[in-house]
Amino acid sequence: MKVLCKYILSLYILHNGLQARMKESNRNSSVQRFVKSVELLQKQTIMHYQPNKSQSFLKIVVALPTMVASCRGILERGITIGSLGSKSFLTYESNILFALRFMIDCNIVGGNWIELPAGKYRKATRVMSYCQLELDCLYSDLVSHAPEGEYSKMAPFRILSFDIECAGRKGHFPEPTHDPVIQIANLLTLQGEAQPFVRNVMTLKSCSPIVGVDVMSFDTERDILLAWRDLIREADPDIIIGYNICKFDLPYLIERAEVLKIVEFPLLGRIRNSRVRVRDTTFNSRQYGMRESKDVTVEGRVQFDLL
C-alpha cells in the first residue's frame, strides 16, 4: 500500500510539474489542460535484448498533437519531481505521425472497413472538403472491422489513370517554363469492374477521332488544364495512377499552371482550399545509390507511380 501511494503521489507531482512546464512552452495557446493524463503501465520495449518480463512505463496524453514535441523535449531535458529531484526520461512513440497514432489507438489498418454506428454521428456543420458525405463522430465510437469474411472485400475505389504529352522544343527535354501541355489522356475505372466508365483525351486544338474515346478539343492550354481540374473534381478519384506521374506528369502540370498564372488549378485534392504540394526528395542506399524524386501531396487521393 505504501509503494502504491508513493507511485500515485509521484505521478500527481509529475502531472502538475509537466502541466506547468507545458504552459510555459505554449503561452499563446488557449488550451487550459495541456496534460490530459499520466498513467503507469506495464509494457515491454523492443529495443535491444530484453528478458521476458514487463517494465514500468508512463503513458502521457496531451491535449493536441502539436504539443507532443514540446512534451518530449521537456521530459528528455529533465523535469523536477518533488523530493526525487530532476529526472530525465527516454521517450517512446513520441515521433509517430498523428494519423498513424490515431490508427494504432483505434485498431485501424490500412484499407479496412470502418463503421459509424447509428446515433453516434451527425452531419458536419462546417463543410471542409469536397466529399459526398462529411460527418462528425467521436473517435471512441468508431468500429474498426478486421479484414475477415465480408469485410475482406475491396471497396469500389475510383481509379484514374492519366498521361500527358508536351510540345517539346527540338533537341530539348520538355520544360514547364517553355513547353506547353498539348494533351491529357484519362481512363477512369471502378475497382472490380472489367471496363472503364470514362475514356477521354483532352487536346490542344483539333484532333482526329479515336474509336471508343471521347476526344475533347480546346483552343487554349489554360482551357485544357482547367478542364482536367474539373474532371478531377467531378470524377472524385480515390487513387491516381500512371507511369512516372510523381516525378514528371503531376509536377509538370503544377509548374505549368504557375507559369500560366492559373491560380485555381492546384486545387485537386478533397480538402477545400488545399493546394497540391510538390517537394524534392532523395533516396540513398547501397543497392540503388542516390536517387532523386519528387513528393506530391494531393489531399485525400493516393498516387501510385508505376515507374
C-alpha atoms as a PDB file:
ATOM      1  CA  MET A   1       0.000   0.000   0.000  1.00  0.00           C
ATOM      2  CA  LYS A   2       2.879   2.366   0.787  1.00  0.00           C
ATOM      3  CA  VAL A   3       4.504   1.626  -2.577  1.00  0.00           C
ATOM      4  CA  LEU A   4       1.226   2.245  -4.404  1.00  0.00           C
ATOM      5  CA  CYS A   5       0.673   5.536  -2.567  1.00  0.00           C
ATOM      6  CA  LYS A   6       4.237   6.585  -3.380  1.00  0.00           C
ATOM      7  CA  TYR A   7       3.668   5.921  -7.080  1.00  0.00           C
ATOM      8  CA  ILE A   8       0.360   7.816  -7.046  1.00  0.00           C
ATOM      9  CA  LEU A   9       1.968  10.812  -5.317  1.00  0.00           C
ATOM     10  CA  SER A  10       4.898  10.823  -7.773  1.00  0.00           C
ATOM     11  CA  LEU A  11       2.520  10.671 -10.748  1.00  0.00           C
ATOM     12  CA  TYR A  12       0.489  13.537  -9.299  1.00  0.00           C
ATOM     13  CA  ILE A  13       3.624  15.676  -8.834  1.00  0.00           C
ATOM     14  CA  LEU A  14       4.873  14.781 -12.337  1.00  0.00           C
ATOM     15  CA  HIS A  15       1.468  15.622 -13.824  1.00  0.00           C
ATOM     16  CA  ASN A  16       1.392  19.058 -12.186  1.00  0.00           C
ATOM     17  CA  GLY A  17       5.035  19.797 -12.961  1.00  0.00           C
ATOM     18  CA  LEU A  18       4.639  18.805 -16.599  1.00  0.00           C
ATOM     19  CA  GLN A  19       1.445  20.868 -16.862  1.00  0.00           C
ATOM     20  CA  ALA A  20       3.308  23.954 -15.588  1.00  0.00           C
ATOM     21  CA  ARG A  21       6.247  23.438 -17.965  1.00  0.00           C
ATOM     22  CA  MET A  22       3.909  22.841 -20.913  1.00  0.00           C
ATOM     23  CA  LYS A  23       2.053  26.057 -20.098  1.00  0.00           C
ATOM     24  CA  GLU A  24       5.345  27.966 -20.263  1.00  0.00           C
ATOM     25  CA  SER A  25       6.209  26.401 -23.622  1.00  0.00           C
ATOM     26  CA  ASN A  26       2.764  27.114 -25.118  1.00  0.00           C
ATOM     27  CA  ARG A  27       1.991  30.599 -23.829  1.00  0.00           C
ATOM     28  CA  ASN A  28      -0.009  31.588 -26.902  1.00  0.00           C
ATOM     29  CA  SER A  29      -2.326  28.587 -26.633  1.00  0.00           C
ATOM     30  CA  SER A  30      -5.884  28.906 -25.315  1.00  0.00           C
ATOM     31  CA  VAL A  31      -5.826  25.323 -24.002  1.00  0.00           C
ATOM     32  CA  GLN A  32      -6.349  25.053 -20.245  1.00  0.00           C
ATOM     33  CA  ARG A  33      -5.260  21.451 -19.615  1.00  0.00           C
ATOM     34  CA  PHE A  34      -2.158  20.635 -21.642  1.00  0.00           C
ATOM     35  CA  VAL A  35      -1.607  17.264 -19.953  1.00  0.00           C
ATOM     36  CA  LYS A  36      -4.768  15.172 -20.015  1.00  0.00           C
ATOM     37  CA  SER A  37      -3.461  12.189 -18.067  1.00  0.00           C
ATOM     38  CA  VAL A  38      -0.361  10.415 -16.750  1.00  0.00           C
ATOM     39  CA  GLU A  39      -0.806   6.674 -16.301  1.00  0.00           C
ATOM     40  CA  LEU A  40       1.506   3.915 -15.075  1.00  0.00           C
ATOM     41  CA  LEU A  41       1.511   0.837 -17.345  1.00  0.00           C
ATOM     42  CA  GLN A  42       3.354  -2.473 -17.524  1.00  0.00           C
ATOM     43  CA  LYS A  43       4.821  -2.907 -21.011  1.00  0.00           C
ATOM     44  CA  GLN A  44       7.809  -4.368 -22.843  1.00  0.00           C
ATOM     45  CA  THR A  45      10.284  -2.498 -25.012  1.00  0.00           C
ATOM     46  CA  ILE A  46      11.518  -3.933 -28.311  1.00  0.00           C
ATOM     47  CA  MET A  47      14.853  -2.090 -28.069  1.00  0.00           C
ATOM     48  CA  HIS A  48      17.914  -4.326 -27.540  1.00  0.00           C
ATOM     49  CA  TYR A  49      17.706  -7.730 -25.867  1.00  0.00           C
ATOM     50  CA  GLN A  50      15.024  -7.901 -23.217  1.00  0.00           C
ATOM     51  CA  PRO A  51      14.127 -10.726 -20.831  1.00  0.00           C
ATOM     52  CA  ASN A  52      10.533 -11.910 -20.959  1.00  0.00           C
ATOM     53  CA  LYS A  53       9.206  -9.597 -18.295  1.00  0.00           C
ATOM     54  CA  SER A  54       7.288  -6.340 -18.215  1.00  0.00           C
ATOM     55  CA  GLN A  55       8.641  -2.977 -17.130  1.00  0.00           C
ATOM     56  CA  SER A  56       7.002   0.162 -15.793  1.00  0.00           C
ATOM     57  CA  PHE A  57       6.209   2.833 -18.385  1.00  0.00           C
ATOM     58  CA  LEU A  58       4.399   6.149 -18.153  1.00  0.00           C
ATOM     59  CA  LYS A  59       1.666   6.826 -20.694  1.00  0.00           C
ATOM     60  CA  ILE A  60       1.207  10.583 -21.083  1.00  0.00           C
ATOM     61  CA  VAL A  61      -1.713  12.032 -23.045  1.00  0.00           C
ATOM     62  CA  VAL A  62      -1.543  15.691 -24.149  1.00  0.00           C
ATOM     63  CA  ALA A  63      -4.335  17.899 -25.465  1.00  0.00           C
ATOM     64  CA  LEU A  64      -3.148  18.371 -29.069  1.00  0.00           C
ATOM     65  CA  PRO A  65      -0.838  16.515 -31.477  1.00  0.00           C
ATOM     66  CA  THR A  66       1.299  19.646 -31.871  1.00  0.00           C
ATOM     67  CA  MET A  67       2.142  19.515 -28.152  1.00  0.00           C
ATOM     68  CA  VAL A  68       3.818  16.103 -28.324  1.00  0.00           C
ATOM     69  CA  ALA A  69       7.152  17.579 -29.455  1.00  0.00           C
ATOM     70  CA  SER A  70       7.338  20.126 -26.621  1.00  0.00           C
ATOM     71  CA  CYS A  71       6.331  17.467 -24.075  1.00  0.00           C
ATOM     72  CA  ARG A  72       9.041  15.141 -25.381  1.00  0.00           C
ATOM     73  CA  GLY A  73      11.653  17.907 -25.122  1.00  0.00           C
ATOM     74  CA  ILE A  74      10.727  18.684 -21.513  1.00  0.00           C
ATOM     75  CA  LEU A  75      10.916  15.023 -20.472  1.00  0.00           C
ATOM     76  CA  GLU A  76      14.209  14.342 -22.249  1.00  0.00           C
ATOM     77  CA  ARG A  77      15.890  17.504 -20.906  1.00  0.00           C
ATOM     78  CA  GLY A  78      14.711  16.783 -17.373  1.00  0.00           C
ATOM     79  CA  ILE A  79      11.885  17.787 -15.038  1.00  0.00           C
ATOM     80  CA  THR A  80      11.758  18.213 -11.251  1.00  0.00           C
ATOM     81  CA  ILE A  81       9.610  15.638  -9.430  1.00  0.00           C
ATOM     82  CA  GLY A  82       9.315  16.692  -5.783  1.00  0.00           C
ATOM     83  CA  SER A  83      11.840  15.045  -3.458  1.00  0.00           C
ATOM     84  CA  LEU A  84      13.111  12.855  -6.301  1.00  0.00           C
ATOM     85  CA  GLY A  85      14.816  15.893  -7.805  1.00  0.00           C
ATOM     86  CA  SER A  86      15.358  16.443 -11.517  1.00  0.00           C
ATOM     87  CA  LYS A  87      14.742  13.389 -13.680  1.00  0.00           C
ATOM     88  CA  SER A  88      15.097  12.916 -17.431  1.00  0.00           C
ATOM     89  CA  PHE A  89      13.212  10.276 -19.395  1.00  0.00           C
ATOM     90  CA  LEU A  90      13.756   8.252 -22.541  1.00  0.00           C
ATOM     91  CA  THR A  91      10.572   8.700 -24.583  1.00  0.00           C
ATOM     92  CA  TYR A  92       8.912   6.053 -26.751  1.00  0.00           C
ATOM     93  CA  GLU A  93       6.492   6.514 -29.666  1.00  0.00           C
ATOM     94  CA  SER A  94       6.879  10.286 -29.390  1.00  0.00           C
ATOM     95  CA  ASN A  95       7.714  10.874 -33.059  1.00  0.00           C
ATOM     96  CA  ILE A  96       4.850   8.912 -34.629  1.00  0.00           C
ATOM     97  CA  LEU A  97       2.678  10.796 -37.120  1.00  0.00           C
ATOM     98  CA  PHE A  98      -0.694  11.797 -35.705  1.00  0.00           C
ATOM     99  CA  ALA A  99      -2.652   9.886 -38.365  1.00  0.00           C
ATOM    100  CA  LEU A 100      -0.676   6.721 -37.562  1.00  0.00           C
ATOM    101  CA  ARG A 101      -1.152   7.276 -33.819  1.00  0.00           C
ATOM    102  CA  PHE A 102      -4.900   7.544 -34.397  1.00  0.00           C
ATOM    103  CA  MET A 103      -4.924   4.297 -36.404  1.00  0.00           C
ATOM    104  CA  ILE A 104      -2.942   2.428 -33.742  1.00  0.00           C
ATOM    105  CA  ASP A 105      -5.160   3.600 -30.881  1.00  0.00           C
ATOM    106  CA  CYS A 106      -8.355   2.707 -32.782  1.00  0.00           C
ATOM    107  CA  ASN A 107      -7.062  -0.636 -34.170  1.00  0.00           C
ATOM    108  CA  ILE A 108      -7.392   0.614 -37.744  1.00  0.00           C
ATOM    109  CA  VAL A 109      -5.266  -0.895 -40.504  1.00  0.00           C
ATOM    110  CA  GLY A 110      -4.791   0.497 -43.995  1.00  0.00           C
ATOM    111  CA  GLY A 111      -7.753  -0.125 -46.283  1.00  0.00           C
ATOM    112  CA  ASN A 112     -10.059  -1.789 -43.756  1.00  0.00           C
ATOM    113  CA  TRP A 113     -13.746  -1.049 -43.242  1.00  0.00           C
ATOM    114  CA  ILE A 114     -14.864   1.399 -40.546  1.00  0.00           C
ATOM    115  CA  GLU A 115     -18.403   1.595 -39.207  1.00  0.00           C
ATOM    116  CA  LEU A 116     -20.108   4.619 -37.672  1.00  0.00           C
ATOM    117  CA  PRO A 117     -22.921   3.186 -35.511  1.00  0.00           C
ATOM    118  CA  ALA A 118     -26.386   4.687 -35.864  1.00  0.00           C
ATOM    119  CA  GLY A 119     -26.947   7.579 -33.498  1.00  0.00           C
ATOM    120  CA  LYS A 120     -23.203   8.084 -32.943  1.00  0.00           C
ATOM    121  CA  TYR A 121     -22.601  10.604 -35.716  1.00  0.00           C
ATOM    122  CA  ARG A 122     -24.061  13.799 -37.097  1.00  0.00           C
ATOM    123  CA  LYS A 123     -23.770  15.792 -40.281  1.00  0.00           C
ATOM    124  CA  ALA A 124     -20.877  18.240 -40.119  1.00  0.00           C
ATOM    125  CA  THR A 125     -21.982  21.828 -39.582  1.00  0.00           C
ATOM    126  CA  ARG A 126     -18.813  23.200 -41.145  1.00  0.00           C
ATOM    127  CA  VAL A 127     -18.014  21.674 -44.534  1.00  0.00           C
ATOM    128  CA  MET A 128     -14.244  21.375 -45.023  1.00  0.00           C
ATOM    129  CA  SER A 129     -13.976  19.068 -48.029  1.00  0.00           C
ATOM    130  CA  TYR A 130     -15.445  18.100 -51.399  1.00  0.00           C
ATOM    131  CA  CYS A 131     -16.504  14.650 -50.131  1.00  0.00           C
ATOM    132  CA  GLN A 132     -20.048  13.414 -50.787  1.00  0.00           C
ATOM    133  CA  LEU A 133     -20.575  12.891 -47.050  1.00  0.00           C
ATOM    134  CA  GLU A 134     -18.937  14.785 -44.207  1.00  0.00           C
ATOM    135  CA  LEU A 135     -19.801  13.624 -40.683  1.00  0.00           C
ATOM    136  CA  ASP A 136     -18.684  14.292 -37.113  1.00  0.00           C
ATOM    137  CA  CYS A 137     -18.125  11.353 -34.758  1.00  0.00           C
ATOM    138  CA  LEU A 138     -16.164  10.705 -31.567  1.00  0.00           C
ATOM    139  CA  TYR A 139     -13.089   8.608 -32.276  1.00  0.00           C
ATOM    140  CA  SER A 140     -14.049   6.265 -29.438  1.00  0.00           C
ATOM    141  CA  ASP A 141     -17.338   5.421 -31.211  1.00  0.00           C
ATOM    142  CA  LEU A 142     -15.659   4.196 -34.408  1.00  0.00           C
ATOM    143  CA  VAL A 143     -15.920   0.465 -35.077  1.00  0.00           C
ATOM    144  CA  SER A 144     -12.928  -0.934 -36.972  1.00  0.00           C
ATOM    145  CA  HIS A 145     -13.683  -4.264 -38.659  1.00  0.00           C
ATOM    146  CA  ALA A 146     -10.884  -6.782 -39.067  1.00  0.00           C
ATOM    147  CA  PRO A 147     -10.312  -7.702 -42.751  1.00  0.00           C
ATOM    148  CA  GLU A 148     -12.077 -11.040 -42.460  1.00  0.00           C
ATOM    149  CA  GLY A 149     -15.146 -12.545 -44.131  1.00  0.00           C
ATOM    150  CA  GLU A 150     -17.357  -9.932 -45.771  1.00  0.00           C
ATOM    151  CA  TYR A 151     -15.019  -7.193 -44.543  1.00  0.00           C
ATOM    152  CA  SER A 152     -12.108  -8.620 -46.539  1.00  0.00           C
ATOM    153  CA  LYS A 153     -13.639  -7.340 -49.787  1.00  0.00           C
ATOM    154  CA  MET A 154     -12.100  -4.356 -51.553  1.00  0.00           C
ATOM    155  CA  ALA A 155     -14.021  -1.095 -51.611  1.00  0.00           C
ATOM    156  CA  PRO A 156     -15.218   0.134 -55.044  1.00  0.00           C
ATOM    157  CA  PHE A 157     -12.370   2.627 -55.384  1.00  0.00           C
ATOM    158  CA  ARG A 158     -12.403   5.043 -58.297  1.00  0.00           C
ATOM    159  CA  ILE A 159      -9.051   4.784 -60.077  1.00  0.00           C
ATOM    160  CA  LEU A 160      -7.871   7.457 -62.514  1.00  0.00           C
ATOM    161  CA  SER A 161      -5.051   6.629 -64.914  1.00  0.00           C
ATOM    162  CA  PHE A 162      -3.676   9.565 -66.889  1.00  0.00           C
ATOM    163  CA  ASP A 163      -0.788  10.624 -69.107  1.00  0.00           C
ATOM    164  CA  ILE A 164       0.269  13.981 -70.537  1.00  0.00           C
ATOM    165  CA  GLU A 165       2.031  14.980 -73.748  1.00  0.00           C
ATOM    166  CA  CYS A 166       4.062  18.162 -74.228  1.00  0.00           C
ATOM    167  CA  ALA A 167       5.207  20.057 -77.318  1.00  0.00           C
ATOM    168  CA  GLY A 168       8.929  19.940 -76.594  1.00  0.00           C
ATOM    169  CA  ARG A 169      11.458  22.030 -78.498  1.00  0.00           C
ATOM    170  CA  LYS A 170      13.684  20.136 -80.914  1.00  0.00           C
ATOM    171  CA  GLY A 171      16.670  18.665 -79.099  1.00  0.00           C
ATOM    172  CA  HIS A 172      15.355  19.632 -75.639  1.00  0.00           C
ATOM    173  CA  PHE A 173      13.546  17.652 -72.977  1.00  0.00           C
ATOM    174  CA  PRO A 174      10.213  19.393 -72.187  1.00  0.00           C
ATOM    175  CA  GLU A 175      10.434  22.122 -69.555  1.00  0.00           C
ATOM    176  CA  PRO A 176       7.322  23.608 -67.899  1.00  0.00           C
ATOM    177  CA  THR A 177       8.744  27.125 -68.188  1.00  0.00           C
ATOM    178  CA  HIS A 178       8.727  26.917 -72.001  1.00  0.00           C
ATOM    179  CA  ASP A 179       6.873  23.911 -73.415  1.00  0.00           C
ATOM    180  CA  PRO A 180       3.052  23.701 -73.396  1.00  0.00           C
ATOM    181  CA  VAL A 181       0.885  20.734 -72.464  1.00  0.00           C
ATOM    182  CA  ILE A 182      -0.894  19.661 -75.651  1.00  0.00           C
ATOM    183  CA  GLN A 183      -2.713  16.523 -74.493  1.00  0.00           C
ATOM    184  CA  ILE A 184      -4.018  14.791 -71.351  1.00  0.00           C
ATOM    185  CA  ALA A 185      -5.428  11.272 -71.734  1.00  0.00           C
ATOM    186  CA  ASN A 186      -7.643   9.846 -68.971  1.00  0.00           C
ATOM    187  CA  LEU A 187      -9.054   6.455 -68.038  1.00  0.00           C
ATOM    188  CA  LEU A 188     -11.405   6.140 -65.052  1.00  0.00           C
ATOM    189  CA  THR A 189     -12.152   2.683 -63.664  1.00  0.00           C
ATOM    190  CA  LEU A 190     -14.182   1.352 -60.756  1.00  0.00           C
ATOM    191  CA  GLN A 191     -12.327  -1.258 -58.688  1.00  0.00           C
ATOM    192  CA  GLY A 192     -13.629  -4.700 -59.601  1.00  0.00           C
ATOM    193  CA  GLU A 193     -15.084  -3.667 -62.971  1.00  0.00           C
ATOM    194  CA  ALA A 194     -13.577  -5.015 -66.193  1.00  0.00           C
ATOM    195  CA  GLN A 195     -14.132  -1.902 -68.327  1.00  0.00           C
ATOM    196  CA  PRO A 196     -13.537   1.802 -67.600  1.00  0.00           C
ATOM    197  CA  PHE A 197     -16.580   4.067 -67.457  1.00  0.00           C
ATOM    198  CA  VAL A 198     -14.674   7.176 -68.613  1.00  0.00           C
ATOM    199  CA  ARG A 199     -12.225   7.133 -71.513  1.00  0.00           C
ATOM    200  CA  ASN A 200     -11.292  10.531 -72.916  1.00  0.00           C
ATOM    201  CA  VAL A 201      -8.439  12.625 -74.247  1.00  0.00           C
ATOM    202  CA  MET A 202      -8.132  16.401 -73.924  1.00  0.00           C
ATOM    203  CA  THR A 203      -6.203  18.030 -76.754  1.00  0.00           C
ATOM    204  CA  LEU A 204      -4.962  21.473 -77.677  1.00  0.00           C
ATOM    205  CA  LYS A 205      -6.673  22.488 -80.940  1.00  0.00           C
ATOM    206  CA  SER A 206      -8.231  19.836 -83.168  1.00  0.00           C
ATOM    207  CA  CYS A 207      -7.573  16.094 -83.184  1.00  0.00           C
ATOM    208  CA  SER A 208      -8.664  13.211 -85.404  1.00  0.00           C
ATOM    209  CA  PRO A 209     -11.421  10.976 -83.982  1.00  0.00           C
ATOM    210  CA  ILE A 210     -10.338   7.957 -81.913  1.00  0.00           C
ATOM    211  CA  VAL A 211     -12.583   4.890 -81.776  1.00  0.00           C
ATOM    212  CA  GLY A 212     -14.081   4.358 -78.324  1.00  0.00           C
ATOM    213  CA  VAL A 213     -12.607   7.578 -76.933  1.00  0.00           C
ATOM    214  CA  ASP A 214     -14.278  10.905 -76.177  1.00  0.00           C
ATOM    215  CA  VAL A 215     -11.998  13.486 -77.843  1.00  0.00           C
ATOM    216  CA  MET A 216     -12.271  16.924 -76.222  1.00  0.00           C
ATOM    217  CA  SER A 217     -10.554  19.774 -78.084  1.00  0.00           C
ATOM    218  CA  PHE A 218      -9.714  23.161 -76.547  1.00  0.00           C
ATOM    219  CA  ASP A 219      -8.496  26.442 -78.006  1.00  0.00           C
ATOM    220  CA  THR A 220      -6.012  27.309 -75.247  1.00  0.00           C
ATOM    221  CA  GLU A 221      -3.725  25.468 -72.866  1.00  0.00           C
ATOM    222  CA  ARG A 222      -5.443  27.203 -69.967  1.00  0.00           C
ATOM    223  CA  ASP A 223      -8.743  25.606 -71.007  1.00  0.00           C
ATOM    224  CA  ILE A 224      -7.146  22.132 -71.067  1.00  0.00           C
ATOM    225  CA  LEU A 225      -5.702  22.475 -67.561  1.00  0.00           C
ATOM    226  CA  LEU A 226      -8.936  23.801 -66.079  1.00  0.00           C
ATOM    227  CA  ALA A 227     -10.954  21.064 -67.816  1.00  0.00           C
ATOM    228  CA  TRP A 228      -8.667  18.431 -66.286  1.00  0.00           C
ATOM    229  CA  ARG A 229      -9.056  20.025 -62.857  1.00  0.00           C
ATOM    230  CA  ASP A 230     -12.845  19.917 -63.311  1.00  0.00           C
ATOM    231  CA  LEU A 231     -12.608  16.233 -64.287  1.00  0.00           C
ATOM    232  CA  ILE A 232     -10.759  15.510 -61.038  1.00  0.00           C
ATOM    233  CA  ARG A 233     -13.439  17.346 -59.067  1.00  0.00           C
ATOM    234  CA  GLU A 234     -16.380  15.626 -60.783  1.00  0.00           C
ATOM    235  CA  ALA A 235     -14.922  12.107 -61.061  1.00  0.00           C
ATOM    236  CA  ASP A 236     -13.529  12.344 -57.498  1.00  0.00           C
ATOM    237  CA  PRO A 237     -10.935   9.529 -57.850  1.00  0.00           C
ATOM    238  CA  ASP A 238      -9.619   7.791 -54.739  1.00  0.00           C
ATOM    239  CA  ILE A 239      -6.444   6.622 -56.477  1.00  0.00           C
ATOM    240  CA  ILE A 240      -4.404   8.268 -59.248  1.00  0.00           C
ATOM    241  CA  ILE A 241      -2.024   6.061 -61.220  1.00  0.00           C
ATOM    242  CA  GLY A 242       0.273   6.474 -64.191  1.00  0.00           C
ATOM    243  CA  TYR A 243       3.798   5.993 -65.473  1.00  0.00           C
ATOM    244  CA  ASN A 244       6.267   8.449 -63.880  1.00  0.00           C
ATOM    245  CA  ILE A 245       3.407  10.709 -62.745  1.00  0.00           C
ATOM    246  CA  CYS A 246       5.019  11.685 -59.424  1.00  0.00           C
ATOM    247  CA  LYS A 247       8.349  12.672 -60.929  1.00  0.00           C
ATOM    248  CA  PHE A 248       7.103  14.212 -64.171  1.00  0.00           C
ATOM    249  CA  ASP A 249       3.384  14.492 -65.040  1.00  0.00           C
ATOM    250  CA  LEU A 250       1.926  15.942 -61.826  1.00  0.00           C
ATOM    251  CA  PRO A 251       4.838  18.328 -61.075  1.00  0.00           C
ATOM    252  CA  TYR A 252       4.844  19.425 -64.736  1.00  0.00           C
ATOM    253  CA  LEU A 253       1.132  20.295 -64.622  1.00  0.00           C
ATOM    254  CA  ILE A 254       1.546  22.225 -61.361  1.00  0.00           C
ATOM    255  CA  GLU A 255       4.578  24.187 -62.596  1.00  0.00           C
ATOM    256  CA  ARG A 256       2.964  24.824 -65.976  1.00  0.00           C
ATOM    257  CA  ALA A 257      -0.113  26.268 -64.251  1.00  0.00           C
ATOM    258  CA  GLU A 258       2.173  28.584 -62.255  1.00  0.00           C
ATOM    259  CA  VAL A 259       3.810  29.804 -65.465  1.00  0.00           C
ATOM    260  CA  LEU A 260       0.380  30.500 -66.984  1.00  0.00           C
ATOM    261  CA  LYS A 261      -0.772  32.113 -63.698  1.00  0.00           C
ATOM    262  CA  ILE A 262      -3.740  29.744 -63.297  1.00  0.00           C
ATOM    263  CA  VAL A 263      -4.005  30.125 -59.526  1.00  0.00           C
ATOM    264  CA  GLU A 264      -7.139  27.975 -59.240  1.00  0.00           C
ATOM    265  CA  PHE A 265      -5.578  24.898 -60.900  1.00  0.00           C
ATOM    266  CA  PRO A 266      -3.668  23.242 -57.981  1.00  0.00           C
ATOM    267  CA  LEU A 267      -6.900  22.669 -56.005  1.00  0.00           C
ATOM    268  CA  LEU A 268      -7.004  18.980 -56.944  1.00  0.00           C
ATOM    269  CA  GLY A 269      -7.491  17.387 -53.522  1.00  0.00           C
ATOM    270  CA  ARG A 270     -10.563  16.727 -51.419  1.00  0.00           C
ATOM    271  CA  ILE A 271      -9.846  19.387 -48.798  1.00  0.00           C
ATOM    272  CA  ARG A 272     -11.199  22.813 -49.715  1.00  0.00           C
ATOM    273  CA  ASN A 273      -8.571  25.467 -50.499  1.00  0.00           C
ATOM    274  CA  SER A 274      -5.764  22.921 -50.013  1.00  0.00           C
ATOM    275  CA  ARG A 275      -3.253  23.180 -52.843  1.00  0.00           C
ATOM    276  CA  VAL A 276      -1.173  20.359 -54.260  1.00  0.00           C
ATOM    277  CA  ARG A 277       2.295  20.438 -52.686  1.00  0.00           C
ATOM    278  CA  VAL A 278       5.418  19.313 -54.544  1.00  0.00           C
ATOM    279  CA  ARG A 279       8.825  18.952 -52.896  1.00  0.00           C
ATOM    280  CA  ASP A 280      12.132  17.410 -53.936  1.00  0.00           C
ATOM    281  CA  THR A 281      13.202  14.234 -52.124  1.00  0.00           C
ATOM    282  CA  THR A 282      16.255  11.972 -52.201  1.00  0.00           C
ATOM    283  CA  PHE A 283      16.708   8.262 -51.509  1.00  0.00           C
ATOM    284  CA  ASN A 284      20.091   6.721 -50.786  1.00  0.00           C
ATOM    285  CA  SER A 285      21.024   3.047 -50.415  1.00  0.00           C
ATOM    286  CA  ARG A 286      23.990   0.798 -51.158  1.00  0.00           C
ATOM    287  CA  GLN A 287      22.000  -1.146 -53.723  1.00  0.00           C
ATOM    288  CA  TYR A 288      20.499   1.770 -55.684  1.00  0.00           C
ATOM    289  CA  GLY A 289      22.798   4.649 -54.747  1.00  0.00           C
ATOM    290  CA  MET A 290      21.451   8.205 -54.659  1.00  0.00           C
ATOM    291  CA  ARG A 291      18.092   8.698 -56.372  1.00  0.00           C
ATOM    292  CA  GLU A 292      16.251  11.991 -56.672  1.00  0.00           C
ATOM    293  CA  SER A 293      12.481  12.144 -56.832  1.00  0.00           C
ATOM    294  CA  LYS A 294       9.520  14.353 -56.005  1.00  0.00           C
ATOM    295  CA  ASP A 295       6.933  14.005 -53.276  1.00  0.00           C
ATOM    296  CA  VAL A 296       3.484  15.122 -54.448  1.00  0.00           C
ATOM    297  CA  THR A 297       0.725  15.626 -51.869  1.00  0.00           C
ATOM    298  CA  VAL A 298      -2.867  15.605 -53.119  1.00  0.00           C
ATOM    299  CA  GLU A 299      -5.104  15.637 -50.037  1.00  0.00           C
ATOM    300  CA  GLY A 300      -7.498  12.675 -49.980  1.00  0.00           C
ATOM    301  CA  ARG A 301      -6.137  10.988 -53.113  1.00  0.00           C
ATOM    302  CA  VAL A 302      -3.431   8.312 -53.218  1.00  0.00           C
ATOM    303  CA  GLN A 303      -0.895   8.360 -56.047  1.00  0.00           C
ATOM    304  CA  PHE A 304       0.693   5.150 -57.321  1.00  0.00           C
ATOM    305  CA  ASP A 305       3.575   5.720 -59.711  1.00  0.00           C
ATOM    306  CA  LEU A 306       4.010   2.646 -61.912  1.00  0.00           C
ATOM    307  CA  LEU A 307       7.595   3.519 -62.866  1.00  0.00           C
END
